[in-house]
Amino acid sequence: MDVLAVRDAVARAVKRAREGGGPFILEMKTYRYRGHSMSDPAKYRTKEEVDQVKTTRDPIDHIKTLLAAAKATEDELKAIDNEVKTIVAEAVQFAQESPEPDPSELYTDVYVEA
C-alpha cells in the first residue's frame, strides 16, 4: 500500500539478483476495497473499515500527498494521471489483441523436474 516502499524493496531484490544472489520473493500486503467478483458483496468488511483504510492508507492518495508536498502542480499531477491511463489502455489493448497461448504452454516454467 506504499508505492515508495515497494520501489525500494524491488530495487533491493533486483540488485541482489543482478549480483548473483538468486531469486527473491516479495510479499505485497494490499487491501481490497471491493469483493473478489460481482457475486461477492464483501459483507465481511464494514463500510467504516473500508473508509478508514481509504482515508489513511490508500496508495494513490498517499503518493499524491507526497507529490503535493514536493510542490507538484495540478497540471503535473494531471499529466502523470494521463500518462498512467495511457500505459494501462495500451496494455489492455495489447492483451486483448494478442493471441491466446497454445494450451501446451500451460505448465511452462511452472516447475522444474529434478
PDB file of N, CA and C in Angstrom:
ATOM      1  N   MET A   1       0.830  -1.188   0.000  1.00  0.00           N
ATOM      2  CA  MET A   1       0.000   0.000   0.000  1.00  0.00           C
ATOM      3  C   MET A   1       0.882   1.263   0.000  1.00  0.00           C
ATOM      4  N   ASP A   2       2.203   1.069  -0.047  1.00  0.00           N
ATOM      5  CA  ASP A   2       3.137   2.196  -0.056  1.00  0.00           C
ATOM      6  C   ASP A   2       4.025   2.081  -1.287  1.00  0.00           C
ATOM      7  N   VAL A   3       3.778   2.928  -2.269  1.00  0.00           N
ATOM      8  CA  VAL A   3       4.476   2.868  -3.549  1.00  0.00           C
ATOM      9  C   VAL A   3       5.986   2.985  -3.368  1.00  0.00           C
ATOM     10  N   LEU A   4       6.426   3.888  -2.513  1.00  0.00           N
ATOM     11  CA  LEU A   4       7.861   4.083  -2.326  1.00  0.00           C
ATOM     12  C   LEU A   4       8.508   2.893  -1.624  1.00  0.00           C
ATOM     13  N   ALA A   5       7.814   2.280  -0.685  1.00  0.00           N
ATOM     14  CA  ALA A   5       8.342   1.084  -0.021  1.00  0.00           C
ATOM     15  C   ALA A   5       8.470  -0.060  -1.019  1.00  0.00           C
ATOM     16  N   VAL A   6       7.497  -0.191  -1.913  1.00  0.00           N
ATOM     17  CA  VAL A   6       7.554  -1.228  -2.948  1.00  0.00           C
ATOM     18  C   VAL A   6       8.736  -0.962  -3.875  1.00  0.00           C
ATOM     19  N   ARG A   7       8.881   0.291  -4.298  1.00  0.00           N
ATOM     20  CA  ARG A   7      10.004   0.640  -5.185  1.00  0.00           C
ATOM     21  C   ARG A   7      11.342   0.290  -4.532  1.00  0.00           C
ATOM     22  N   ASP A   8      11.505   0.620  -3.269  1.00  0.00           N
ATOM     23  CA  ASP A   8      12.759   0.335  -2.567  1.00  0.00           C
ATOM     24  C   ASP A   8      12.993  -1.168  -2.427  1.00  0.00           C
ATOM     25  N   ALA A   9      11.952  -1.915  -2.079  1.00  0.00           N
ATOM     26  CA  ALA A   9      12.090  -3.368  -1.922  1.00  0.00           C
ATOM     27  C   ALA A   9      12.424  -4.031  -3.251  1.00  0.00           C
ATOM     28  N   VAL A  10      11.787  -3.585  -4.319  1.00  0.00           N
ATOM     29  CA  VAL A  10      12.066  -4.152  -5.643  1.00  0.00           C
ATOM     30  C   VAL A  10      13.495  -3.815  -6.059  1.00  0.00           C
ATOM     31  N   ALA A  11      13.935  -2.599  -5.785  1.00  0.00           N
ATOM     32  CA  ALA A  11      15.306  -2.205  -6.139  1.00  0.00           C
ATOM     33  C   ALA A  11      16.317  -3.097  -5.420  1.00  0.00           C
ATOM     34  N   ARG A  12      16.077  -3.383  -4.142  1.00  0.00           N
ATOM     35  CA  ARG A  12      16.983  -4.269  -3.392  1.00  0.00           C
ATOM     36  C   ARG A  12      16.964  -5.680  -3.968  1.00  0.00           C
ATOM     37  N   ALA A  13      15.785  -6.166  -4.324  1.00  0.00           N
ATOM     38  CA  ALA A  13      15.665  -7.518  -4.879  1.00  0.00           C
ATOM     39  C   ALA A  13      16.360  -7.606  -6.242  1.00  0.00           C
ATOM     40  N   VAL A  14      16.181  -6.601  -7.072  1.00  0.00           N
ATOM     41  CA  VAL A  14      16.821  -6.589  -8.386  1.00  0.00           C
ATOM     42  C   VAL A  14      18.339  -6.537  -8.232  1.00  0.00           C
ATOM     43  N   LYS A  15      18.811  -5.700  -7.327  1.00  0.00           N
ATOM     44  CA  LYS A  15      20.261  -5.597  -7.090  1.00  0.00           C
ATOM     45  C   LYS A  15      20.820  -6.946  -6.656  1.00  0.00           C
ATOM     46  N   ARG A  16      20.144  -7.584  -5.731  1.00  0.00           N
ATOM     47  CA  ARG A  16      20.591  -8.895  -5.255  1.00  0.00           C
ATOM     48  C   ARG A  16      20.635  -9.900  -6.402  1.00  0.00           C
ATOM     49  N   ALA A  17      19.585  -9.933  -7.216  1.00  0.00           N
ATOM     50  CA  ALA A  17      19.526 -10.879  -8.336  1.00  0.00           C
ATOM     51  C   ALA A  17      20.647 -10.607  -9.335  1.00  0.00           C
ATOM     52  N   ARG A  18      20.870  -9.345  -9.642  1.00  0.00           N
ATOM     53  CA  ARG A  18      21.913  -8.992 -10.613  1.00  0.00           C
ATOM     54  C   ARG A  18      23.312  -9.296 -10.089  1.00  0.00           C
ATOM     55  N   GLU A  19      23.460  -9.317  -8.776  1.00  0.00           N
ATOM     56  CA  GLU A  19      24.755  -9.639  -8.179  1.00  0.00           C
ATOM     57  C   GLU A  19      24.934 -11.144  -7.981  1.00  0.00           C
ATOM     58  N   GLY A  20      23.986 -11.926  -8.497  1.00  0.00           N
ATOM     59  CA  GLY A  20      24.097 -13.377  -8.413  1.00  0.00           C
ATOM     60  C   GLY A  20      23.520 -13.978  -7.145  1.00  0.00           C
ATOM     61  N   GLY A  21      22.752 -13.189  -6.413  1.00  0.00           N
ATOM     62  CA  GLY A  21      22.179 -13.664  -5.161  1.00  0.00           C
ATOM     63  C   GLY A  21      20.954 -14.545  -5.323  1.00  0.00           C
ATOM     64  N   GLY A  22      20.530 -14.761  -6.552  1.00  0.00           N
ATOM     65  CA  GLY A  22      19.395 -15.638  -6.799  1.00  0.00           C
ATOM     66  C   GLY A  22      18.061 -14.932  -6.712  1.00  0.00           C
ATOM     67  N   PRO A  23      16.996 -15.714  -6.838  1.00  0.00           N
ATOM     68  CA  PRO A  23      15.643 -15.141  -6.828  1.00  0.00           C
ATOM     69  C   PRO A  23      15.276 -14.599  -5.456  1.00  0.00           C
ATOM     70  N   PHE A  24      14.232 -13.824  -5.451  1.00  0.00           N
ATOM     71  CA  PHE A  24      13.793 -13.145  -4.235  1.00  0.00           C
ATOM     72  C   PHE A  24      12.274 -13.114  -4.247  1.00  0.00           C
ATOM     73  N   ILE A  25      11.659 -13.397  -3.147  1.00  0.00           N
ATOM     74  CA  ILE A  25      10.195 -13.336  -3.054  1.00  0.00           C
ATOM     75  C   ILE A  25       9.807 -12.058  -2.326  1.00  0.00           C
ATOM     76  N   LEU A  26       8.919 -11.304  -2.937  1.00  0.00           N
ATOM     77  CA  LEU A  26       8.387 -10.101  -2.312  1.00  0.00           C
ATOM     78  C   LEU A  26       6.915 -10.332  -1.997  1.00  0.00           C
ATOM     79  N   GLU A  27       6.557 -10.188  -0.755  1.00  0.00           N
ATOM     80  CA  GLU A  27       5.154 -10.316  -0.355  1.00  0.00           C
ATOM     81  C   GLU A  27       4.551  -8.922  -0.304  1.00  0.00           C
ATOM     82  N   MET A  28       3.502  -8.714  -1.081  1.00  0.00           N
ATOM     83  CA  MET A  28       2.834  -7.418  -1.134  1.00  0.00           C
ATOM     84  C   MET A  28       1.507  -7.514  -0.387  1.00  0.00           C
ATOM     85  N   LYS A  29       1.419  -6.860   0.739  1.00  0.00           N
ATOM     86  CA  LYS A  29       0.180  -6.865   1.509  1.00  0.00           C
ATOM     87  C   LYS A  29      -0.651  -5.662   1.077  1.00  0.00           C
ATOM     88  N   THR A  30      -1.779  -5.962   0.455  1.00  0.00           N
ATOM     89  CA  THR A  30      -2.660  -4.912  -0.035  1.00  0.00           C
ATOM     90  C   THR A  30      -4.041  -5.068   0.595  1.00  0.00           C
ATOM     91  N   TYR A  31      -4.860  -4.090   0.361  1.00  0.00           N
ATOM     92  CA  TYR A  31      -6.224  -4.100   0.883  1.00  0.00           C
ATOM     93  C   TYR A  31      -7.175  -4.005  -0.297  1.00  0.00           C
ATOM     94  N   ARG A  32      -8.078  -4.943  -0.387  1.00  0.00           N
ATOM     95  CA  ARG A  32      -9.062  -4.959  -1.467  1.00  0.00           C
ATOM     96  C   ARG A  32     -10.302  -4.215  -0.995  1.00  0.00           C
ATOM     97  N   TYR A  33     -10.636  -3.126  -1.668  1.00  0.00           N
ATOM     98  CA  TYR A  33     -11.787  -2.309  -1.280  1.00  0.00           C
ATOM     99  C   TYR A  33     -13.118  -2.976  -1.607  1.00  0.00           C
ATOM    100  N   ARG A  34     -13.110  -3.839  -2.597  1.00  0.00           N
ATOM    101  CA  ARG A  34     -14.351  -4.487  -3.024  1.00  0.00           C
ATOM    102  C   ARG A  34     -14.209  -5.995  -2.881  1.00  0.00           C
ATOM    103  N   GLY A  35     -15.282  -6.696  -3.185  1.00  0.00           N
ATOM    104  CA  GLY A  35     -15.250  -8.147  -3.138  1.00  0.00           C
ATOM    105  C   GLY A  35     -14.410  -8.724  -4.262  1.00  0.00           C
ATOM    106  N   HIS A  36     -14.277 -10.049  -4.258  1.00  0.00           N
ATOM    107  CA  HIS A  36     -13.473 -10.727  -5.275  1.00  0.00           C
ATOM    108  C   HIS A  36     -14.081 -10.621  -6.664  1.00  0.00           C
ATOM    109  N   SER A  37     -15.396 -10.525  -6.736  1.00  0.00           N
ATOM    110  CA  SER A  37     -16.076 -10.506  -8.022  1.00  0.00           C
ATOM    111  C   SER A  37     -17.431  -9.833  -7.839  1.00  0.00           C
ATOM    112  N   MET A  38     -18.189  -9.776  -8.926  1.00  0.00           N
ATOM    113  CA  MET A  38     -19.519  -9.162  -8.842  1.00  0.00           C
ATOM    114  C   MET A  38     -20.454  -9.964  -7.936  1.00  0.00           C
ATOM    115  N   SER A  39     -20.149 -11.259  -7.769  1.00  0.00           N
ATOM    116  CA  SER A  39     -21.010 -12.088  -6.929  1.00  0.00           C
ATOM    117  C   SER A  39     -20.582 -12.056  -5.460  1.00  0.00           C
ATOM    118  N   ASP A  40     -19.541 -11.280  -5.145  1.00  0.00           N
ATOM    119  CA  ASP A  40     -19.050 -11.167  -3.767  1.00  0.00           C
ATOM    120  C   ASP A  40     -19.381  -9.775  -3.241  1.00  0.00           C
ATOM    121  N   PRO A  41     -20.407  -9.643  -2.402  1.00  0.00           N
ATOM    122  CA  PRO A  41     -20.791  -8.324  -1.913  1.00  0.00           C
ATOM    123  C   PRO A  41     -19.878  -7.778  -0.812  1.00  0.00           C
ATOM    124  N   ALA A  42     -18.856  -8.549  -0.408  1.00  0.00           N
ATOM    125  CA  ALA A  42     -17.880  -8.116   0.601  1.00  0.00           C
ATOM    126  C   ALA A  42     -18.537  -7.720   1.924  1.00  0.00           C
ATOM    127  N   LYS A  43     -19.487  -8.528   2.361  1.00  0.00           N
ATOM    128  CA  LYS A  43     -20.185  -8.256   3.619  1.00  0.00           C
ATOM    129  C   LYS A  43     -19.291  -8.507   4.839  1.00  0.00           C
ATOM    130  N   TYR A  44     -18.097  -9.024   4.619  1.00  0.00           N
ATOM    131  CA  TYR A  44     -17.185  -9.330   5.712  1.00  0.00           C
ATOM    132  C   TYR A  44     -16.397  -8.097   6.165  1.00  0.00           C
ATOM    133  N   ARG A  45     -16.622  -6.957   5.532  1.00  0.00           N
ATOM    134  CA  ARG A  45     -15.991  -5.709   5.933  1.00  0.00           C
ATOM    135  C   ARG A  45     -17.066  -4.651   6.119  1.00  0.00           C
ATOM    136  N   THR A  46     -16.879  -3.831   7.125  1.00  0.00           N
ATOM    137  CA  THR A  46     -17.833  -2.744   7.329  1.00  0.00           C
ATOM    138  C   THR A  46     -17.452  -1.567   6.434  1.00  0.00           C
ATOM    139  N   LYS A  47     -18.419  -0.736   6.150  1.00  0.00           N
ATOM    140  CA  LYS A  47     -18.167   0.476   5.365  1.00  0.00           C
ATOM    141  C   LYS A  47     -17.162   1.363   6.099  1.00  0.00           C
ATOM    142  N   GLU A  48     -17.257   1.390   7.412  1.00  0.00           N
ATOM    143  CA  GLU A  48     -16.346   2.210   8.213  1.00  0.00           C
ATOM    144  C   GLU A  48     -14.898   1.730   8.069  1.00  0.00           C
ATOM    145  N   GLU A  49     -14.717   0.398   8.056  1.00  0.00           N
ATOM    146  CA  GLU A  49     -13.367  -0.145   7.898  1.00  0.00           C
ATOM    147  C   GLU A  49     -12.784   0.243   6.548  1.00  0.00           C
ATOM    148  N   VAL A  50     -13.561   0.049   5.501  1.00  0.00           N
ATOM    149  CA  VAL A  50     -13.094   0.367   4.149  1.00  0.00           C
ATOM    150  C   VAL A  50     -12.773   1.858   4.047  1.00  0.00           C
ATOM    151  N   ASP A  51     -13.663   2.703   4.555  1.00  0.00           N
ATOM    152  CA  ASP A  51     -13.436   4.152   4.518  1.00  0.00           C
ATOM    153  C   ASP A  51     -12.184   4.540   5.292  1.00  0.00           C
ATOM    154  N   GLN A  52     -11.952   3.890   6.424  1.00  0.00           N
ATOM    155  CA  GLN A  52     -10.769   4.191   7.237  1.00  0.00           C
ATOM    156  C   GLN A  52      -9.487   3.841   6.482  1.00  0.00           C
ATOM    157  N   VAL A  53      -9.476   2.700   5.800  1.00  0.00           N
ATOM    158  CA  VAL A  53      -8.295   2.308   5.025  1.00  0.00           C
ATOM    159  C   VAL A  53      -8.099   3.274   3.863  1.00  0.00           C
ATOM    160  N   LYS A  54      -9.168   3.619   3.163  1.00  0.00           N
ATOM    161  CA  LYS A  54      -9.056   4.563   2.047  1.00  0.00           C
ATOM    162  C   LYS A  54      -8.490   5.900   2.531  1.00  0.00           C
ATOM    163  N   THR A  55      -8.940   6.334   3.693  1.00  0.00           N
ATOM    164  CA  THR A  55      -8.531   7.627   4.223  1.00  0.00           C
ATOM    165  C   THR A  55      -7.078   7.630   4.703  1.00  0.00           C
ATOM    166  N   THR A  56      -6.636   6.533   5.278  1.00  0.00           N
ATOM    167  CA  THR A  56      -5.319   6.528   5.918  1.00  0.00           C
ATOM    168  C   THR A  56      -4.232   5.774   5.161  1.00  0.00           C
ATOM    169  N   ARG A  57      -4.602   4.856   4.254  1.00  0.00           N
ATOM    170  CA  ARG A  57      -3.580   4.009   3.636  1.00  0.00           C
ATOM    171  C   ARG A  57      -3.668   3.891   2.130  1.00  0.00           C
ATOM    172  N   ASP A  58      -4.551   4.629   1.480  1.00  0.00           N
ATOM    173  CA  ASP A  58      -4.703   4.489   0.033  1.00  0.00           C
ATOM    174  C   ASP A  58      -3.401   4.886  -0.667  1.00  0.00           C
ATOM    175  N   PRO A  59      -2.825   3.982  -1.472  1.00  0.00           N
ATOM    176  CA  PRO A  59      -1.520   4.279  -2.078  1.00  0.00           C
ATOM    177  C   PRO A  59      -1.545   5.438  -3.076  1.00  0.00           C
ATOM    178  N   ILE A  60      -2.634   5.599  -3.794  1.00  0.00           N
ATOM    179  CA  ILE A  60      -2.702   6.691  -4.771  1.00  0.00           C
ATOM    180  C   ILE A  60      -2.814   8.027  -4.053  1.00  0.00           C
ATOM    181  N   ASP A  61      -3.678   8.094  -3.056  1.00  0.00           N
ATOM    182  CA  ASP A  61      -3.794   9.340  -2.281  1.00  0.00           C
ATOM    183  C   ASP A  61      -2.485   9.660  -1.572  1.00  0.00           C
ATOM    184  N   HIS A  62      -1.804   8.627  -1.070  1.00  0.00           N
ATOM    185  CA  HIS A  62      -0.533   8.828  -0.363  1.00  0.00           C
ATOM    186  C   HIS A  62       0.517   9.438  -1.291  1.00  0.00           C
ATOM    187  N   ILE A  63       0.656   8.900  -2.488  1.00  0.00           N
ATOM    188  CA  ILE A  63       1.670   9.424  -3.409  1.00  0.00           C
ATOM    189  C   ILE A  63       1.288  10.815  -3.891  1.00  0.00           C
ATOM    190  N   LYS A  64      -0.009  11.084  -4.042  1.00  0.00           N
ATOM    191  CA  LYS A  64      -0.443  12.440  -4.405  1.00  0.00           C
ATOM    192  C   LYS A  64      -0.064  13.432  -3.310  1.00  0.00           C
ATOM    193  N   THR A  65      -0.221  13.022  -2.061  1.00  0.00           N
ATOM    194  CA  THR A  65       0.154  13.885  -0.934  1.00  0.00           C
ATOM    195  C   THR A  65       1.650  14.169  -0.954  1.00  0.00           C
ATOM    196  N   LEU A  66       2.452  13.127  -1.216  1.00  0.00           N
ATOM    197  CA  LEU A  66       3.902  13.316  -1.280  1.00  0.00           C
ATOM    198  C   LEU A  66       4.290  14.230  -2.441  1.00  0.00           C
ATOM    199  N   LEU A  67       3.638  14.057  -3.580  1.00  0.00           N
ATOM    200  CA  LEU A  67       3.934  14.908  -4.730  1.00  0.00           C
ATOM    201  C   LEU A  67       3.525  16.360  -4.464  1.00  0.00           C
ATOM    202  N   ALA A  68       2.392  16.535  -3.813  1.00  0.00           N
ATOM    203  CA  ALA A  68       1.947  17.892  -3.474  1.00  0.00           C
ATOM    204  C   ALA A  68       2.926  18.546  -2.495  1.00  0.00           C
ATOM    205  N   ALA A  69       3.415  17.757  -1.538  1.00  0.00           N
ATOM    206  CA  ALA A  69       4.400  18.278  -0.584  1.00  0.00           C
ATOM    207  C   ALA A  69       5.698  18.650  -1.288  1.00  0.00           C
ATOM    208  N   ALA A  70       5.991  17.985  -2.401  1.00  0.00           N
ATOM    209  CA  ALA A  70       7.186  18.290  -3.196  1.00  0.00           C
ATOM    210  C   ALA A  70       6.896  19.415  -4.193  1.00  0.00           C
ATOM    211  N   LYS A  71       5.750  20.070  -4.023  1.00  0.00           N
ATOM    212  CA  LYS A  71       5.350  21.221  -4.831  1.00  0.00           C
ATOM    213  C   LYS A  71       4.977  20.872  -6.275  1.00  0.00           C
ATOM    214  N   ALA A  72       4.476  19.653  -6.491  1.00  0.00           N
ATOM    215  CA  ALA A  72       3.980  19.303  -7.820  1.00  0.00           C
ATOM    216  C   ALA A  72       2.725  20.128  -8.100  1.00  0.00           C
ATOM    217  N   THR A  73       2.619  20.628  -9.315  1.00  0.00           N
ATOM    218  CA  THR A  73       1.463  21.440  -9.669  1.00  0.00           C
ATOM    219  C   THR A  73       0.300  20.542 -10.078  1.00  0.00           C
ATOM    220  N   GLU A  74      -0.878  21.124 -10.119  1.00  0.00           N
ATOM    221  CA  GLU A  74      -2.063  20.383 -10.553  1.00  0.00           C
ATOM    222  C   GLU A  74      -1.896  19.895 -11.985  1.00  0.00           C
ATOM    223  N   ASP A  75      -1.279  20.713 -12.832  1.00  0.00           N
ATOM    224  CA  ASP A  75      -1.032  20.308 -14.221  1.00  0.00           C
ATOM    225  C   ASP A  75      -0.077  19.120 -14.281  1.00  0.00           C
ATOM    226  N   GLU A  76       0.945  19.101 -13.439  1.00  0.00           N
ATOM    227  CA  GLU A  76       1.882  17.975 -13.403  1.00  0.00           C
ATOM    228  C   GLU A  76       1.180  16.697 -12.938  1.00  0.00           C
ATOM    229  N   LEU A  77       0.317  16.830 -11.924  1.00  0.00           N
ATOM    230  CA  LEU A  77      -0.428  15.668 -11.439  1.00  0.00           C
ATOM    231  C   LEU A  77      -1.367  15.139 -12.525  1.00  0.00           C
ATOM    232  N   LYS A  78      -2.015  16.036 -13.253  1.00  0.00           N
ATOM    233  CA  LYS A  78      -2.894  15.609 -14.352  1.00  0.00           C
ATOM    234  C   LYS A  78      -2.091  14.921 -15.450  1.00  0.00           C
ATOM    235  N   ALA A  79      -0.888  15.418 -15.733  1.00  0.00           N
ATOM    236  CA  ALA A  79      -0.040  14.806 -16.760  1.00  0.00           C
ATOM    237  C   ALA A  79       0.361  13.392 -16.349  1.00  0.00           C
ATOM    238  N   ILE A  80       0.698  13.217 -15.074  1.00  0.00           N
ATOM    239  CA  ILE A  80       1.042  11.881 -14.567  1.00  0.00           C
ATOM    240  C   ILE A  80      -0.157  10.953 -14.690  1.00  0.00           C
ATOM    241  N   ASP A  81      -1.317  11.440 -14.280  1.00  0.00           N
ATOM    242  CA  ASP A  81      -2.541  10.639 -14.357  1.00  0.00           C
ATOM    243  C   ASP A  81      -2.834  10.228 -15.793  1.00  0.00           C
ATOM    244  N   ASN A  82      -2.700  11.162 -16.725  1.00  0.00           N
ATOM    245  CA  ASN A  82      -2.941  10.850 -18.139  1.00  0.00           C
ATOM    246  C   ASN A  82      -1.931   9.848 -18.666  1.00  0.00           C
ATOM    247  N   GLU A  83      -0.668   9.977 -18.262  1.00  0.00           N
ATOM    248  CA  GLU A  83       0.360   9.032 -18.700  1.00  0.00           C
ATOM    249  C   GLU A  83       0.051   7.625 -18.203  1.00  0.00           C
ATOM    250  N   VAL A  84      -0.355   7.517 -16.945  1.00  0.00           N
ATOM    251  CA  VAL A  84      -0.697   6.209 -16.383  1.00  0.00           C
ATOM    252  C   VAL A  84      -1.895   5.617 -17.119  1.00  0.00           C
ATOM    253  N   LYS A  85      -2.916   6.425 -17.376  1.00  0.00           N
ATOM    254  CA  LYS A  85      -4.094   5.939 -18.098  1.00  0.00           C
ATOM    255  C   LYS A  85      -3.718   5.447 -19.495  1.00  0.00           C
ATOM    256  N   THR A  86      -2.803   6.140 -20.150  1.00  0.00           N
ATOM    257  CA  THR A  86      -2.350   5.725 -21.482  1.00  0.00           C
ATOM    258  C   THR A  86      -1.620   4.397 -21.416  1.00  0.00           C
ATOM    259  N   ILE A  87      -0.734   4.246 -20.445  1.00  0.00           N
ATOM    260  CA  ILE A  87       0.015   2.991 -20.281  1.00  0.00           C
ATOM    261  C   ILE A  87      -0.942   1.830 -20.045  1.00  0.00           C
ATOM    262  N   VAL A  88      -1.919   2.027 -19.168  1.00  0.00           N
ATOM    263  CA  VAL A  88      -2.882   0.967 -18.868  1.00  0.00           C
ATOM    264  C   VAL A  88      -3.721   0.640 -20.100  1.00  0.00           C
ATOM    265  N   ALA A  89      -4.190   1.658 -20.806  1.00  0.00           N
ATOM    266  CA  ALA A  89      -5.015   1.424 -22.005  1.00  0.00           C
ATOM    267  C   ALA A  89      -4.225   0.659 -23.070  1.00  0.00           C
ATOM    268  N   GLU A  90      -2.952   1.004 -23.240  1.00  0.00           N
ATOM    269  CA  GLU A  90      -2.113   0.290 -24.209  1.00  0.00           C
ATOM    270  C   GLU A  90      -1.889  -1.160 -23.788  1.00  0.00           C
ATOM    271  N   ALA A  91      -1.697  -1.392 -22.500  1.00  0.00           N
ATOM    272  CA  ALA A  91      -1.517  -2.765 -22.009  1.00  0.00           C
ATOM    273  C   ALA A  91      -2.785  -3.585 -22.212  1.00  0.00           C
ATOM    274  N   VAL A  92      -3.939  -2.986 -21.944  1.00  0.00           N
ATOM    275  CA  VAL A  92      -5.214  -3.681 -22.145  1.00  0.00           C
ATOM    276  C   VAL A  92      -5.399  -4.010 -23.623  1.00  0.00           C
ATOM    277  N   GLN A  93      -5.123  -3.038 -24.482  1.00  0.00           N
ATOM    278  CA  GLN A  93      -5.269  -3.265 -25.922  1.00  0.00           C
ATOM    279  C   GLN A  93      -4.332  -4.381 -26.387  1.00  0.00           C
ATOM    280  N   PHE A  94      -3.087  -4.363 -25.921  1.00  0.00           N
ATOM    281  CA  PHE A  94      -2.128  -5.406 -26.289  1.00  0.00           C
ATOM    282  C   PHE A  94      -2.634  -6.778 -25.865  1.00  0.00           C
ATOM    283  N   ALA A  95      -3.140  -6.858 -24.633  1.00  0.00           N
ATOM    284  CA  ALA A  95      -3.644  -8.146 -24.129  1.00  0.00           C
ATOM    285  C   ALA A  95      -4.845  -8.621 -24.929  1.00  0.00           C
ATOM    286  N   GLN A  96      -5.757  -7.722 -25.239  1.00  0.00           N
ATOM    287  CA  GLN A  96      -6.957  -8.106 -25.977  1.00  0.00           C
ATOM    288  C   GLN A  96      -6.647  -8.508 -27.415  1.00  0.00           C
ATOM    289  N   GLU A  97      -5.631  -7.910 -28.004  1.00  0.00           N
ATOM    290  CA  GLU A  97      -5.291  -8.200 -29.395  1.00  0.00           C
ATOM    291  C   GLU A  97      -4.302  -9.351 -29.548  1.00  0.00           C
ATOM    292  N   SER A  98      -3.711  -9.795 -28.445  1.00  0.00           N
ATOM    293  CA  SER A  98      -2.732 -10.883 -28.507  1.00  0.00           C
ATOM    294  C   SER A  98      -3.450 -12.221 -28.635  1.00  0.00           C
ATOM    295  N   PRO A  99      -2.838 -13.147 -29.373  1.00  0.00           N
ATOM    296  CA  PRO A  99      -3.464 -14.469 -29.496  1.00  0.00           C
ATOM    297  C   PRO A  99      -3.382 -15.230 -28.172  1.00  0.00           C
ATOM    298  N   GLU A 100      -4.336 -16.113 -27.973  1.00  0.00           N
ATOM    299  CA  GLU A 100      -4.298 -16.975 -26.791  1.00  0.00           C
ATOM    300  C   GLU A 100      -3.072 -17.876 -26.905  1.00  0.00           C
ATOM    301  N   PRO A 101      -2.395 -18.138 -25.787  1.00  0.00           N
ATOM    302  CA  PRO A 101      -1.250 -19.048 -25.858  1.00  0.00           C
ATOM    303  C   PRO A 101      -1.713 -20.471 -26.161  1.00  0.00           C
ATOM    304  N   ASP A 102      -0.813 -21.234 -26.747  1.00  0.00           N
ATOM    305  CA  ASP A 102      -1.102 -22.632 -27.032  1.00  0.00           C
ATOM    306  C   ASP A 102      -1.300 -23.364 -25.704  1.00  0.00           C
ATOM    307  N   PRO A 103      -2.294 -24.247 -25.613  1.00  0.00           N
ATOM    308  CA  PRO A 103      -2.522 -24.983 -24.356  1.00  0.00           C
ATOM    309  C   PRO A 103      -1.283 -25.734 -23.861  1.00  0.00           C
ATOM    310  N   SER A 104      -0.377 -26.093 -24.766  1.00  0.00           N
ATOM    311  CA  SER A 104       0.832 -26.806 -24.345  1.00  0.00           C
ATOM    312  C   SER A 104       1.725 -25.934 -23.469  1.00  0.00           C
ATOM    313  N   GLU A 105       1.494 -24.632 -23.470  1.00  0.00           N
ATOM    314  CA  GLU A 105       2.296 -23.711 -22.659  1.00  0.00           C
ATOM    315  C   GLU A 105       1.786 -23.600 -21.214  1.00  0.00           C
ATOM    316  N   LEU A 106       0.692 -24.266 -20.915  1.00  0.00           N
ATOM    317  CA  LEU A 106       0.056 -24.131 -19.607  1.00  0.00           C
ATOM    318  C   LEU A 106       1.006 -24.370 -18.444  1.00  0.00           C
ATOM    319  N   TYR A 107       1.870 -25.345 -18.569  1.00  0.00           N
ATOM    320  CA  TYR A 107       2.764 -25.685 -17.459  1.00  0.00           C
ATOM    321  C   TYR A 107       4.207 -25.228 -17.694  1.00  0.00           C
ATOM    322  N   THR A 108       4.442 -24.440 -18.727  1.00  0.00           N
ATOM    323  CA  THR A 108       5.787 -23.951 -18.994  1.00  0.00           C
ATOM    324  C   THR A 108       6.265 -23.070 -17.845  1.00  0.00           C
ATOM    325  N   ASP A 109       7.446 -23.351 -17.350  1.00  0.00           N
ATOM    326  CA  ASP A 109       8.100 -22.561 -16.303  1.00  0.00           C
ATOM    327  C   ASP A 109       7.355 -22.570 -14.969  1.00  0.00           C
ATOM    328  N   VAL A 110       6.473 -23.533 -14.770  1.00  0.00           N
ATOM    329  CA  VAL A 110       5.762 -23.620 -13.500  1.00  0.00           C
ATOM    330  C   VAL A 110       6.596 -24.369 -12.474  1.00  0.00           C
ATOM    331  N   TYR A 111       7.303 -25.397 -12.906  1.00  0.00           N
ATOM    332  CA  TYR A 111       8.144 -26.151 -12.002  1.00  0.00           C
ATOM    333  C   TYR A 111       9.305 -26.769 -12.783  1.00  0.00           C
ATOM    334  N   VAL A 112      10.274 -27.223 -12.051  1.00  0.00           N
ATOM    335  CA  VAL A 112      11.445 -27.852 -12.675  1.00  0.00           C
ATOM    336  C   VAL A 112      11.501 -29.302 -12.225  1.00  0.00           C
ATOM    337  N   GLU A 113      11.679 -30.185 -13.178  1.00  0.00           N
ATOM    338  CA  GLU A 113      11.836 -31.578 -12.829  1.00  0.00           C
ATOM    339  C   GLU A 113      13.274 -31.799 -12.395  1.00  0.00           C
ATOM    340  N   ALA A 114      13.449 -32.433 -11.238  1.00  0.00           N
ATOM    341  CA  ALA A 114      14.816 -32.659 -10.733  1.00  0.00           C
ATOM    342  C   ALA A 114      15.245 -34.072 -10.979  1.00  0.00           C
TER     343      ALA A 114
END
